[in-house]
Amino acid sequence: MTEIQRPGALYQQVAAAIREAILSGEYEPGTPLPSESQLMERYKVSRPTVRNAVSALRAEGLIDVHHGKGSFVRAASAPVVDLTSYVGHTPGGQFVLYGVAKWQQAEEPSTYRTNATEATAHLLELRAGEALFGCDRLLIDPATGTRAMHRTLIPFATAEAVPALAEAPGTDPATAYEMLTKAGHELWWSEGVRARMPLPDERTALRLPDATPVLHQSRITCGTDDQALMLEELRVGADRAELTYRIEAEPVENARP
């Protein structure tokens, strides 16, 4: 029987003891924790203390609470969707975006006008407040049920220079690449990925468990004179996906042996 010492926040001590039991394998992934009454008896503490300890472990992502069933140790599952970052180009001028996930639209895209924020303006090399076309898509991988949020942001200057894109700013990315190429751009892409905690709307739309971060991928399409033409943002639960990249060796002048 584990004895809980009284100094300090009591619920934190109980949480630490339960955490140690989880990490040591005493409570295995996917199995239920002992009931509140059993935890009260084991650690000689009150019900509110046990509940606060469980809430702390839930916030850490160590346990899930299923209403009516109790608390369960979260299973550490491997990512189920591979977000391969590789763009293919056919001889006919079409672009193909490769990846294991075969995304389908879960609902109709939403196209709108917006303004660049400090963050998006930095990526697009604009001033904050400049006008953009935006398009939001909620995607789903039917094979796994993984959901993703995709956003396209196109500066007005890009759309005005490409009439086909100005008429259909909500077009899918591969078709947008084709339109930009036909307008004379030789495209290349820059990507960045970061992990962060989700906003409330992201957590709801992606159906994320407690204490689960999102992977936030930003892809900038660049063209002539390295001009930033378009920004794509993909957000997906970090417990459901991993990103893989194709890396090729490029010649380096004056390379040392």
C-alpha atoms as a PDB file:
ATOM      1  CA  MET A   1       0.000   0.000   0.000  1.00  0.00           C
ATOM      2  CA  THR A   2       1.338   3.434  -0.964  1.00  0.00           C
ATOM      3  CA  GLU A   3       1.576   5.989   1.810  1.00  0.00           C
ATOM      4  CA  ILE A   4       0.924   9.594   0.792  1.00  0.00           C
ATOM      5  CA  GLN A   5       2.867  12.217   2.713  1.00  0.00           C
ATOM      6  CA  ARG A   6       0.906  15.306   3.753  1.00  0.00           C
ATOM      7  CA  PRO A   7       3.212  18.289   2.948  1.00  0.00           C
ATOM      8  CA  GLY A   8       2.492  20.037  -0.355  1.00  0.00           C
ATOM      9  CA  ALA A   9      -0.544  19.806  -2.610  1.00  0.00           C
ATOM     10  CA  LEU A  10      -2.057  16.444  -1.773  1.00  0.00           C
ATOM     11  CA  TYR A  11      -3.707  15.827  -5.127  1.00  0.00           C
ATOM     12  CA  GLN A  12      -0.340  16.363  -6.869  1.00  0.00           C
ATOM     13  CA  GLN A  13       1.200  13.661  -4.682  1.00  0.00           C
ATOM     14  CA  VAL A  14      -1.627  11.279  -5.542  1.00  0.00           C
ATOM     15  CA  ALA A  15      -1.233  12.135  -9.233  1.00  0.00           C
ATOM     16  CA  ALA A  16       2.511  11.444  -8.996  1.00  0.00           C
ATOM     17  CA  ALA A  17       1.867   8.050  -7.386  1.00  0.00           C
ATOM     18  CA  ILE A  18      -0.670   7.062 -10.047  1.00  0.00           C
ATOM     19  CA  ARG A  19       1.643   8.356 -12.784  1.00  0.00           C
ATOM     20  CA  GLU A  20       4.449   6.186 -11.429  1.00  0.00           C
ATOM     21  CA  ALA A  21       2.126   3.165 -11.420  1.00  0.00           C
ATOM     22  CA  ILE A  22       1.206   3.848 -15.061  1.00  0.00           C
ATOM     23  CA  LEU A  23       4.778   4.334 -16.228  1.00  0.00           C
ATOM     24  CA  SER A  24       5.981   1.245 -14.367  1.00  0.00           C
ATOM     25  CA  GLY A  25       3.362  -0.881 -16.097  1.00  0.00           C
ATOM     26  CA  GLU A  26       1.265  -1.609 -13.039  1.00  0.00           C
ATOM     27  CA  TYR A  27      -1.656  -0.012 -14.866  1.00  0.00           C
ATOM     28  CA  GLU A  28      -1.292  -1.103 -18.485  1.00  0.00           C
ATOM     29  CA  PRO A  29      -2.349   0.957 -21.532  1.00  0.00           C
ATOM     30  CA  GLY A  30      -6.005   0.543 -22.385  1.00  0.00           C
ATOM     31  CA  THR A  31      -6.967  -0.826 -18.958  1.00  0.00           C
ATOM     32  CA  PRO A  32      -9.217   0.965 -16.448  1.00  0.00           C
ATOM     33  CA  LEU A  33      -7.829   2.674 -13.382  1.00  0.00           C
ATOM     34  CA  PRO A  34      -9.142   1.491 -10.005  1.00  0.00           C
ATOM     35  CA  SER A  35     -12.395   3.129  -8.991  1.00  0.00           C
ATOM     36  CA  GLU A  36     -12.460   6.354  -6.996  1.00  0.00           C
ATOM     37  CA  SER A  37     -13.279   4.374  -3.854  1.00  0.00           C
ATOM     38  CA  GLN A  38     -10.346   2.023  -4.444  1.00  0.00           C
ATOM     39  CA  LEU A  39      -7.955   4.936  -5.015  1.00  0.00           C
ATOM     40  CA  MET A  40      -9.275   6.631  -1.861  1.00  0.00           C
ATOM     41  CA  GLU A  41      -8.579   3.475   0.105  1.00  0.00           C
ATOM     42  CA  ARG A  42      -5.163   2.914  -1.407  1.00  0.00           C
ATOM     43  CA  TYR A  43      -3.863   6.440  -0.847  1.00  0.00           C
ATOM     44  CA  LYS A  44      -5.916   7.285   2.252  1.00  0.00           C
ATOM     45  CA  VAL A  45      -7.266  10.510   0.802  1.00  0.00           C
ATOM     46  CA  SER A  46     -10.679  12.085   0.159  1.00  0.00           C
ATOM     47  CA  ARG A  47     -12.780  11.807  -2.981  1.00  0.00           C
ATOM     48  CA  PRO A  48     -12.106  15.431  -4.092  1.00  0.00           C
ATOM     49  CA  THR A  49      -8.361  14.763  -3.836  1.00  0.00           C
ATOM     50  CA  VAL A  50      -8.675  11.668  -6.050  1.00  0.00           C
ATOM     51  CA  ARG A  51     -10.786  13.577  -8.562  1.00  0.00           C
ATOM     52  CA  ASN A  52      -8.270  16.426  -8.727  1.00  0.00           C
ATOM     53  CA  ALA A  53      -5.444  13.935  -9.236  1.00  0.00           C
ATOM     54  CA  VAL A  54      -7.320  12.210 -12.055  1.00  0.00           C
ATOM     55  CA  SER A  55      -8.067  15.593 -13.653  1.00  0.00           C
ATOM     56  CA  ALA A  56      -4.362  16.456 -13.557  1.00  0.00           C
ATOM     57  CA  LEU A  57      -3.416  13.159 -15.240  1.00  0.00           C
ATOM     58  CA  ARG A  58      -6.138  13.678 -17.814  1.00  0.00           C
ATOM     59  CA  ALA A  59      -4.679  17.107 -18.626  1.00  0.00           C
ATOM     60  CA  GLU A  60      -1.283  15.454 -19.081  1.00  0.00           C
ATOM     61  CA  GLY A  61      -2.753  13.022 -21.580  1.00  0.00           C
ATOM     62  CA  LEU A  62      -1.995   9.925 -19.512  1.00  0.00           C
ATOM     63  CA  ILE A  63      -5.600   8.886 -19.028  1.00  0.00           C
ATOM     64  CA  ASP A  64      -8.955   9.203 -20.765  1.00  0.00           C
ATOM     65  CA  VAL A  65     -12.239   9.538 -18.921  1.00  0.00           C
ATOM     66  CA  HIS A  66     -15.229   7.754 -20.449  1.00  0.00           C
ATOM     67  CA  HIS A  67     -18.411   9.010 -18.837  1.00  0.00           C
ATOM     68  CA  GLY A  68     -20.305   6.187 -17.234  1.00  0.00           C
ATOM     69  CA  LYS A  69     -17.380   3.785 -17.561  1.00  0.00           C
ATOM     70  CA  GLY A  70     -14.532   5.357 -15.578  1.00  0.00           C
ATOM     71  CA  SER A  71     -10.923   6.367 -16.211  1.00  0.00           C
ATOM     72  CA  PHE A  72      -8.662   4.401 -18.556  1.00  0.00           C
ATOM     73  CA  VAL A  73      -4.923   4.496 -19.173  1.00  0.00           C
ATOM     74  CA  ARG A  74      -4.430   5.993 -22.604  1.00  0.00           C
ATOM     75  CA  ALA A  75      -2.994   3.556 -25.099  1.00  0.00           C
ATOM     76  CA  ALA A  76       0.106   4.767 -26.921  1.00  0.00           C
ATOM     77  CA  SER A  77      -0.890   4.136 -30.527  1.00  0.00           C
ATOM     78  CA  ALA A  78       1.371   4.549 -33.527  1.00  0.00           C
ATOM     79  CA  PRO A  79       0.486   7.304 -36.024  1.00  0.00           C
ATOM     80  CA  VAL A  80      -2.016   6.015 -38.566  1.00  0.00           C
ATOM     81  CA  VAL A  81      -1.651   8.613 -41.349  1.00  0.00           C
ATOM     82  CA  ASP A  82       1.559   9.355 -43.225  1.00  0.00           C
ATOM     83  CA  LEU A  83       1.574  12.927 -44.532  1.00  0.00           C
ATOM     84  CA  THR A  84       4.148  12.488 -47.269  1.00  0.00           C
ATOM     85  CA  SER A  85       5.386  15.860 -48.496  1.00  0.00           C
ATOM     86  CA  TYR A  86       6.114  15.166 -52.140  1.00  0.00           C
ATOM     87  CA  VAL A  87       4.759  17.003 -55.165  1.00  0.00           C
ATOM     88  CA  GLY A  88       4.747  15.213 -58.522  1.00  0.00           C
ATOM     89  CA  HIS A  89       4.597  16.872 -61.946  1.00  0.00           C
ATOM     90  CA  THR A  90       3.397  15.004 -65.037  1.00  0.00           C
ATOM     91  CA  PRO A  91       4.670  15.711 -68.590  1.00  0.00           C
ATOM     92  CA  GLY A  92       1.220  17.120 -69.348  1.00  0.00           C
ATOM     93  CA  GLY A  93       1.639  19.840 -66.739  1.00  0.00           C
ATOM     94  CA  GLN A  94      -0.555  18.352 -64.021  1.00  0.00           C
ATOM     95  CA  PHE A  95       0.489  18.218 -60.385  1.00  0.00           C
ATOM     96  CA  VAL A  96      -0.010  15.245 -58.093  1.00  0.00           C
ATOM     97  CA  LEU A  97       0.234  15.449 -54.299  1.00  0.00           C
ATOM     98  CA  TYR A  98       1.480  12.158 -52.903  1.00  0.00           C
ATOM     99  CA  GLY A  99       0.625  10.731 -49.511  1.00  0.00           C
ATOM    100  CA  VAL A 100      -0.793   7.648 -47.854  1.00  0.00           C
ATOM    101  CA  ALA A 101      -3.889   9.488 -46.635  1.00  0.00           C
ATOM    102  CA  LYS A 102      -6.543   9.659 -49.354  1.00  0.00           C
ATOM    103  CA  TRP A 103      -8.293  12.745 -48.108  1.00  0.00           C
ATOM    104  CA  GLN A 104     -11.945  13.317 -48.906  1.00  0.00           C
ATOM    105  CA  GLN A 105     -13.931  16.460 -48.177  1.00  0.00           C
ATOM    106  CA  ALA A 106     -16.118  16.008 -45.120  1.00  0.00           C
ATOM    107  CA  GLU A 107     -18.159  19.069 -46.063  1.00  0.00           C
ATOM    108  CA  GLU A 108     -18.319  21.764 -48.722  1.00  0.00           C
ATOM    109  CA  PRO A 109     -15.313  24.139 -48.796  1.00  0.00           C
ATOM    110  CA  SER A 110     -15.804  27.643 -47.436  1.00  0.00           C
ATOM    111  CA  THR A 111     -14.337  30.444 -49.586  1.00  0.00           C
ATOM    112  CA  TYR A 112     -14.061  33.974 -48.232  1.00  0.00           C
ATOM    113  CA  ARG A 113     -12.071  37.199 -48.196  1.00  0.00           C
ATOM    114  CA  THR A 114      -9.831  37.965 -45.254  1.00  0.00           C
ATOM    115  CA  ASN A 115      -6.736  39.917 -44.252  1.00  0.00           C
ATOM    116  CA  ALA A 116      -3.216  38.821 -43.478  1.00  0.00           C
ATOM    117  CA  THR A 117      -2.388  38.421 -39.801  1.00  0.00           C
ATOM    118  CA  GLU A 118       1.088  39.056 -38.428  1.00  0.00           C
ATOM    119  CA  ALA A 119       1.885  35.342 -38.783  1.00  0.00           C
ATOM    120  CA  THR A 120       0.513  34.819 -42.297  1.00  0.00           C
ATOM    121  CA  ALA A 121       1.886  38.160 -43.512  1.00  0.00           C
ATOM    122  CA  HIS A 122       5.367  37.069 -42.436  1.00  0.00           C
ATOM    123  CA  LEU A 123       5.101  33.806 -44.375  1.00  0.00           C
ATOM    124  CA  LEU A 124       3.686  35.484 -47.489  1.00  0.00           C
ATOM    125  CA  GLU A 125       6.096  38.440 -47.277  1.00  0.00           C
ATOM    126  CA  LEU A 126       3.228  40.916 -47.030  1.00  0.00           C
ATOM    127  CA  ARG A 127       2.179  43.654 -44.658  1.00  0.00           C
ATOM    128  CA  ALA A 128      -0.302  42.702 -41.966  1.00  0.00           C
ATOM    129  CA  GLY A 129      -3.808  43.608 -43.058  1.00  0.00           C
ATOM    130  CA  GLU A 130      -3.306  43.027 -46.793  1.00  0.00           C
ATOM    131  CA  ALA A 131      -6.236  41.373 -48.563  1.00  0.00           C
ATOM    132  CA  LEU A 132      -6.314  37.623 -49.126  1.00  0.00           C
ATOM    133  CA  PHE A 133      -8.638  35.026 -50.557  1.00  0.00           C
ATOM    134  CA  GLY A 134      -9.179  32.182 -48.100  1.00  0.00           C
ATOM    135  CA  CYS A 135     -10.589  28.692 -48.496  1.00  0.00           C
ATOM    136  CA  ASP A 136     -11.183  26.283 -45.588  1.00  0.00           C
ATOM    137  CA  ARG A 137     -11.685  22.549 -46.040  1.00  0.00           C
ATOM    138  CA  LEU A 138     -12.508  19.875 -43.489  1.00  0.00           C
ATOM    139  CA  LEU A 139     -10.950  16.627 -44.698  1.00  0.00           C
ATOM    140  CA  ILE A 140     -11.239  13.010 -43.632  1.00  0.00           C
ATOM    141  CA  ASP A 141      -9.235   9.895 -44.428  1.00  0.00           C
ATOM    142  CA  PRO A 142     -11.954   7.248 -44.908  1.00  0.00           C
ATOM    143  CA  ALA A 143      -9.533   4.389 -44.208  1.00  0.00           C
ATOM    144  CA  THR A 144      -8.711   5.557 -40.686  1.00  0.00           C
ATOM    145  CA  GLY A 145     -11.277   8.233 -39.814  1.00  0.00           C
ATOM    146  CA  THR A 146      -8.483  10.774 -39.274  1.00  0.00           C
ATOM    147  CA  ARG A 147      -9.690  14.338 -39.737  1.00  0.00           C
ATOM    148  CA  ALA A 148      -7.697  17.339 -40.922  1.00  0.00           C
ATOM    149  CA  MET A 149      -8.308  21.049 -41.418  1.00  0.00           C
ATOM    150  CA  HIS A 150      -6.837  22.565 -44.581  1.00  0.00           C
ATOM    151  CA  ARG A 151      -6.662  26.280 -45.328  1.00  0.00           C
ATOM    152  CA  THR A 152      -5.492  28.050 -48.485  1.00  0.00           C
ATOM    153  CA  LEU A 153      -4.591  31.741 -48.423  1.00  0.00           C
ATOM    154  CA  ILE A 154      -3.952  33.558 -51.713  1.00  0.00           C
ATOM    155  CA  PRO A 155      -2.883  37.221 -51.843  1.00  0.00           C
ATOM    156  CA  PHE A 156      -5.027  39.437 -54.045  1.00  0.00           C
ATOM    157  CA  ALA A 157      -1.882  40.307 -56.011  1.00  0.00           C
ATOM    158  CA  THR A 158      -1.378  36.639 -56.918  1.00  0.00           C
ATOM    159  CA  ALA A 159      -5.002  36.190 -57.964  1.00  0.00           C
ATOM    160  CA  GLU A 160      -5.077  39.385 -60.029  1.00  0.00           C
ATOM    161  CA  ALA A 161      -2.033  38.228 -62.007  1.00  0.00           C
ATOM    162  CA  VAL A 162      -3.616  34.824 -62.716  1.00  0.00           C
ATOM    163  CA  PRO A 163      -7.175  35.361 -64.038  1.00  0.00           C
ATOM    164  CA  ALA A 164      -8.140  31.678 -63.786  1.00  0.00           C
ATOM    165  CA  LEU A 165      -7.198  31.694 -60.105  1.00  0.00           C
ATOM    166  CA  ALA A 166      -9.000  34.975 -59.460  1.00  0.00           C
ATOM    167  CA  GLU A 167     -12.194  33.429 -60.838  1.00  0.00           C
ATOM    168  CA  ALA A 168     -11.857  30.322 -58.650  1.00  0.00           C
ATOM    169  CA  PRO A 169      -9.786  31.105 -55.522  1.00  0.00           C
ATOM    170  CA  GLY A 170     -11.277  28.057 -53.817  1.00  0.00           C
ATOM    171  CA  THR A 171      -9.739  25.633 -56.289  1.00  0.00           C
ATOM    172  CA  ASP A 172      -7.792  22.665 -54.909  1.00  0.00           C
ATOM    173  CA  PRO A 173      -4.021  23.124 -54.421  1.00  0.00           C
ATOM    174  CA  ALA A 174      -2.881  20.833 -57.265  1.00  0.00           C
ATOM    175  CA  THR A 175      -5.061  22.728 -59.753  1.00  0.00           C
ATOM    176  CA  ALA A 176      -3.828  26.047 -58.351  1.00  0.00           C
ATOM    177  CA  TYR A 177      -0.233  24.916 -58.961  1.00  0.00           C
ATOM    178  CA  GLU A 178      -1.164  24.157 -62.572  1.00  0.00           C
ATOM    179  CA  MET A 179      -2.752  27.595 -63.003  1.00  0.00           C
ATOM    180  CA  LEU A 180       0.336  29.305 -61.599  1.00  0.00           C
ATOM    181  CA  THR A 181       2.630  27.289 -63.865  1.00  0.00           C
ATOM    182  CA  LYS A 182       0.581  28.167 -66.949  1.00  0.00           C
ATOM    183  CA  ALA A 183       0.918  31.823 -65.907  1.00  0.00           C
ATOM    184  CA  GLY A 184       4.686  31.477 -66.294  1.00  0.00           C
ATOM    185  CA  HIS A 185       5.856  30.588 -62.784  1.00  0.00           C
ATOM    186  CA  GLU A 186       8.448  27.920 -62.094  1.00  0.00           C
ATOM    187  CA  LEU A 187       7.291  26.704 -58.722  1.00  0.00           C
ATOM    188  CA  TRP A 188       9.079  25.522 -55.634  1.00  0.00           C
ATOM    189  CA  TRP A 189       7.837  24.994 -52.109  1.00  0.00           C
ATOM    190  CA  SER A 190       8.938  25.700 -48.571  1.00  0.00           C
ATOM    191  CA  GLU A 191       7.434  23.881 -45.590  1.00  0.00           C
ATOM    192  CA  GLY A 192       7.502  24.271 -41.838  1.00  0.00           C
ATOM    193  CA  VAL A 193       5.934  22.090 -39.165  1.00  0.00           C
ATOM    194  CA  ARG A 194       5.267  22.869 -35.528  1.00  0.00           C
ATOM    195  CA  ALA A 195       3.308  21.300 -32.724  1.00  0.00           C
ATOM    196  CA  ARG A 196       0.976  23.350 -30.536  1.00  0.00           C
ATOM    197  CA  MET A 197      -2.087  22.891 -28.394  1.00  0.00           C
ATOM    198  CA  PRO A 198      -5.342  23.189 -30.357  1.00  0.00           C
ATOM    199  CA  LEU A 199      -7.777  26.054 -30.281  1.00  0.00           C
ATOM    200  CA  PRO A 200     -11.314  25.139 -29.164  1.00  0.00           C
ATOM    201  CA  ASP A 201     -12.704  25.021 -32.724  1.00  0.00           C
ATOM    202  CA  GLU A 202      -9.797  22.846 -33.865  1.00  0.00           C
ATOM    203  CA  ARG A 203     -10.284  20.419 -31.008  1.00  0.00           C
ATOM    204  CA  THR A 204     -13.965  20.097 -31.863  1.00  0.00           C
ATOM    205  CA  ALA A 205     -13.546  19.788 -35.639  1.00  0.00           C
ATOM    206  CA  LEU A 206     -10.677  17.300 -35.371  1.00  0.00           C
ATOM    207  CA  ARG A 207     -12.321  15.392 -32.489  1.00  0.00           C
ATOM    208  CA  LEU A 208      -9.133  15.404 -30.453  1.00  0.00           C
ATOM    209  CA  PRO A 209      -8.738  13.606 -27.114  1.00  0.00           C
ATOM    210  CA  ASP A 210      -7.724  15.624 -24.058  1.00  0.00           C
ATOM    211  CA  ALA A 211      -4.178  16.994 -23.927  1.00  0.00           C
ATOM    212  CA  THR A 212      -3.508  16.214 -27.607  1.00  0.00           C
ATOM    213  CA  PRO A 213      -1.527  18.749 -29.646  1.00  0.00           C
ATOM    214  CA  VAL A 214      -1.990  19.422 -33.333  1.00  0.00           C
ATOM    215  CA  LEU A 215       0.637  19.250 -36.040  1.00  0.00           C
ATOM    216  CA  HIS A 216       0.489  22.551 -37.919  1.00  0.00           C
ATOM    217  CA  GLN A 217       2.093  22.319 -41.352  1.00  0.00           C
ATOM    218  CA  SER A 218       2.649  25.497 -43.371  1.00  0.00           C
ATOM    219  CA  ARG A 219       3.486  25.170 -47.079  1.00  0.00           C
ATOM    220  CA  ILE A 220       4.460  28.256 -49.074  1.00  0.00           C
ATOM    221  CA  THR A 221       4.265  28.067 -52.863  1.00  0.00           C
ATOM    222  CA  CYS A 222       6.938  30.286 -54.427  1.00  0.00           C
ATOM    223  CA  GLY A 223       7.397  31.273 -58.061  1.00  0.00           C
ATOM    224  CA  THR A 224       9.309  33.682 -60.261  1.00  0.00           C
ATOM    225  CA  ASP A 225      11.920  35.699 -58.350  1.00  0.00           C
ATOM    226  CA  ASP A 226      11.137  33.534 -55.296  1.00  0.00           C
ATOM    227  CA  GLN A 227       7.865  35.409 -54.833  1.00  0.00           C
ATOM    228  CA  ALA A 228       5.531  33.879 -52.243  1.00  0.00           C
ATOM    229  CA  LEU A 229       2.335  33.128 -54.172  1.00  0.00           C
ATOM    230  CA  MET A 230       0.152  31.052 -51.873  1.00  0.00           C
ATOM    231  CA  LEU A 231       0.059  29.658 -48.336  1.00  0.00           C
ATOM    232  CA  GLU A 232      -1.452  26.339 -47.291  1.00  0.00           C
ATOM    233  CA  GLU A 233      -1.987  25.322 -43.680  1.00  0.00           C
ATOM    234  CA  LEU A 234      -2.795  21.748 -42.673  1.00  0.00           C
ATOM    235  CA  ARG A 235      -3.773  20.916 -39.091  1.00  0.00           C
ATOM    236  CA  VAL A 236      -4.151  17.348 -37.851  1.00  0.00           C
ATOM    237  CA  GLY A 237      -4.007  15.623 -34.472  1.00  0.00           C
ATOM    238  CA  ALA A 238      -0.441  14.761 -33.500  1.00  0.00           C
ATOM    239  CA  ASP A 239      -1.598  11.381 -32.201  1.00  0.00           C
ATOM    240  CA  ARG A 240      -2.897  10.419 -35.639  1.00  0.00           C
ATOM    241  CA  ALA A 241      -0.253  11.504 -38.107  1.00  0.00           C
ATOM    242  CA  GLU A 242       3.414  11.813 -38.889  1.00  0.00           C
ATOM    243  CA  LEU A 243       5.139  13.729 -41.653  1.00  0.00           C
ATOM    244  CA  THR A 244       7.716  12.153 -43.936  1.00  0.00           C
ATOM    245  CA  TYR A 245       9.840  13.991 -46.475  1.00  0.00           C
ATOM    246  CA  ARG A 246      11.609  13.063 -49.674  1.00  0.00           C
ATOM    247  CA  ILE A 247      15.159  14.386 -49.484  1.00  0.00           C
ATOM    248  CA  GLU A 248      17.459  14.493 -52.485  1.00  0.00           C
ATOM    249  CA  ALA A 249      21.144  15.375 -52.569  1.00  0.00           C
ATOM    250  CA  GLU A 250      21.924  18.562 -54.448  1.00  0.00           C
ATOM    251  CA  PRO A 251      25.329  19.465 -55.943  1.00  0.00           C
ATOM    252  CA  VAL A 252      27.365  21.819 -53.787  1.00  0.00           C
ATOM    253  CA  GLU A 253      30.019  24.023 -55.309  1.00  0.00           C
ATOM    254  CA  ASN A 254      33.478  23.968 -53.752  1.00  0.00           C
ATOM    255  CA  ALA A 255      32.458  21.143 -51.431  1.00  0.00           C
ATOM    256  CA  ARG A 256      35.202  19.890 -49.158  1.00  0.00           C
ATOM    257  CA  PRO A 257      36.202  16.229 -49.533  1.00  0.00           C
END
